[in-house]
Amino acid sequence: MPWLSLVFALTLRAVLNPALAVDLLRVAWRFRIRGWWHRFPFLPLPSLRYVRWRMYTAYGDERAVPPVRDVIAYARWTGRQP
């Protein structure tokens, strides 16, 4: 449920700030599984294993859910990269 809360909060912020929406979509696209169109549910979702590794390296716990401000800061940072 905490991941759904995060997605809902980020969606609300993205609706209110289109530039942030672009940055969040860019991050989501970078995290997708390669060859996602071959696997059910045929959506560009991230690998659970990769997300767990990212959460472990960032927060020291593979089950951590990042705060909204951290996701936004990361999305804005990647949006400024060439």
C-alpha atoms as a PDB file:
ATOM      1  CA  MET A   1       0.000   0.000   0.000  1.00  0.00           C
ATOM      2  CA  PRO A   2       2.791   2.536   0.662  1.00  0.00           C
ATOM      3  CA  TRP A   3       3.887   2.252  -2.995  1.00  0.00           C
ATOM      4  CA  LEU A   4       0.340   3.098  -4.100  1.00  0.00           C
ATOM      5  CA  SER A   5       0.395   6.134  -1.825  1.00  0.00           C
ATOM      6  CA  LEU A   6       3.672   7.203  -3.407  1.00  0.00           C
ATOM      7  CA  VAL A   7       2.289   6.762  -6.929  1.00  0.00           C
ATOM      8  CA  PHE A   8      -0.859   8.702  -6.016  1.00  0.00           C
ATOM      9  CA  ALA A   9       1.122  11.580  -4.466  1.00  0.00           C
ATOM     10  CA  LEU A  10       3.478  11.739  -7.460  1.00  0.00           C
ATOM     11  CA  THR A  11       0.559  11.640  -9.901  1.00  0.00           C
ATOM     12  CA  LEU A  12      -1.111  14.530  -8.105  1.00  0.00           C
ATOM     13  CA  ARG A  13       2.090  16.572  -8.157  1.00  0.00           C
ATOM     14  CA  ALA A  14       2.621  15.744 -11.842  1.00  0.00           C
ATOM     15  CA  VAL A  15      -0.873  16.929 -12.748  1.00  0.00           C
ATOM     16  CA  LEU A  16      -0.193  20.233 -10.998  1.00  0.00           C
ATOM     17  CA  ASN A  17       3.294  20.624 -12.503  1.00  0.00           C
ATOM     18  CA  PRO A  18       3.672  19.462 -16.142  1.00  0.00           C
ATOM     19  CA  ALA A  19       7.462  19.947 -16.124  1.00  0.00           C
ATOM     20  CA  LEU A  20       7.700  17.565 -13.180  1.00  0.00           C
ATOM     21  CA  ALA A  21       5.452  15.129 -15.059  1.00  0.00           C
ATOM     22  CA  VAL A  22       7.948  15.028 -17.923  1.00  0.00           C
ATOM     23  CA  ASP A  23      10.822  14.379 -15.509  1.00  0.00           C
ATOM     24  CA  LEU A  24       8.883  11.616 -13.719  1.00  0.00           C
ATOM     25  CA  LEU A  25       8.008   9.945 -17.017  1.00  0.00           C
ATOM     26  CA  ARG A  26      11.669  10.097 -18.035  1.00  0.00           C
ATOM     27  CA  VAL A  27      12.659   8.353 -14.787  1.00  0.00           C
ATOM     28  CA  ALA A  28       9.940   5.728 -15.187  1.00  0.00           C
ATOM     29  CA  TRP A  29      11.123   5.029 -18.732  1.00  0.00           C
ATOM     30  CA  ARG A  30      14.733   4.599 -17.562  1.00  0.00           C
ATOM     31  CA  PHE A  31      13.687   2.090 -14.891  1.00  0.00           C
ATOM     32  CA  ARG A  32      11.644  -0.132 -17.230  1.00  0.00           C
ATOM     33  CA  ILE A  33      12.498  -3.783 -17.869  1.00  0.00           C
ATOM     34  CA  ARG A  34      14.139  -4.279 -21.233  1.00  0.00           C
ATOM     35  CA  GLY A  35      11.853  -6.267 -23.515  1.00  0.00           C
ATOM     36  CA  TRP A  36       8.832  -5.384 -21.387  1.00  0.00           C
ATOM     37  CA  TRP A  37       6.476  -5.924 -24.341  1.00  0.00           C
ATOM     38  CA  HIS A  38       7.228  -9.681 -24.158  1.00  0.00           C
ATOM     39  CA  ARG A  39       6.049 -10.083 -20.553  1.00  0.00           C
ATOM     40  CA  PHE A  40       2.624  -9.855 -18.979  1.00  0.00           C
ATOM     41  CA  PRO A  41       1.198  -7.298 -18.076  1.00  0.00           C
ATOM     42  CA  PHE A  42       2.869  -5.766 -21.172  1.00  0.00           C
ATOM     43  CA  LEU A  43       3.642  -2.482 -19.393  1.00  0.00           C
ATOM     44  CA  PRO A  44       7.022  -0.738 -19.079  1.00  0.00           C
ATOM     45  CA  LEU A  45       7.330  -1.503 -15.358  1.00  0.00           C
ATOM     46  CA  PRO A  46      10.618  -1.731 -13.458  1.00  0.00           C
ATOM     47  CA  SER A  47      12.110  -5.022 -12.388  1.00  0.00           C
ATOM     48  CA  LEU A  48      11.239  -5.819  -8.763  1.00  0.00           C
ATOM     49  CA  ARG A  49      14.779  -7.058  -8.246  1.00  0.00           C
ATOM     50  CA  TYR A  50      16.205  -3.773  -9.567  1.00  0.00           C
ATOM     51  CA  VAL A  51      13.879  -1.657  -7.410  1.00  0.00           C
ATOM     52  CA  ARG A  52      14.826  -3.644  -4.325  1.00  0.00           C
ATOM     53  CA  TRP A  53      18.519  -3.155  -5.106  1.00  0.00           C
ATOM     54  CA  ARG A  54      17.988   0.596  -5.604  1.00  0.00           C
ATOM     55  CA  MET A  55      16.115   0.880  -2.306  1.00  0.00           C
ATOM     56  CA  TYR A  56      18.829  -1.097  -0.514  1.00  0.00           C
ATOM     57  CA  THR A  57      21.631   1.065  -1.897  1.00  0.00           C
ATOM     58  CA  ALA A  58      19.746   4.306  -1.201  1.00  0.00           C
ATOM     59  CA  TYR A  59      18.084   3.576   2.148  1.00  0.00           C
ATOM     60  CA  GLY A  60      19.744   0.433   3.513  1.00  0.00           C
ATOM     61  CA  ASP A  61      16.508  -1.547   3.309  1.00  0.00           C
ATOM     62  CA  GLU A  62      15.252  -3.292   0.192  1.00  0.00           C
ATOM     63  CA  ARG A  63      11.661  -2.840   1.378  1.00  0.00           C
ATOM     64  CA  ALA A  64      11.948   0.921   1.844  1.00  0.00           C
ATOM     65  CA  VAL A  65       9.544   3.225   0.065  1.00  0.00           C
ATOM     66  CA  PRO A  66      11.215   6.502  -0.877  1.00  0.00           C
ATOM     67  CA  PRO A  67       9.689   9.756   0.311  1.00  0.00           C
ATOM     68  CA  VAL A  68       7.949  11.862  -2.317  1.00  0.00           C
ATOM     69  CA  ARG A  69      10.545  14.628  -1.962  1.00  0.00           C
ATOM     70  CA  ASP A  70      13.382  12.189  -2.756  1.00  0.00           C
ATOM     71  CA  VAL A  71      11.676  10.915  -5.908  1.00  0.00           C
ATOM     72  CA  ILE A  72      10.957  14.465  -7.051  1.00  0.00           C
ATOM     73  CA  ALA A  73      14.535  15.570  -6.348  1.00  0.00           C
ATOM     74  CA  TYR A  74      15.885  12.587  -8.324  1.00  0.00           C
ATOM     75  CA  ALA A  75      13.474  13.221 -11.210  1.00  0.00           C
ATOM     76  CA  ARG A  76      14.448  16.892 -11.396  1.00  0.00           C
ATOM     77  CA  TRP A  77      18.130  15.979 -11.252  1.00  0.00           C
ATOM     78  CA  THR A  78      17.803  13.499 -14.124  1.00  0.00           C
ATOM     79  CA  GLY A  79      15.768  16.078 -16.047  1.00  0.00           C
ATOM     80  CA  ARG A  80      18.768  18.417 -16.015  1.00  0.00           C
ATOM     81  CA  GLN A  81      21.169  15.752 -17.328  1.00  0.00           C
ATOM     82  CA  PRO A  82      21.985  15.775 -21.048  1.00  0.00           C
END
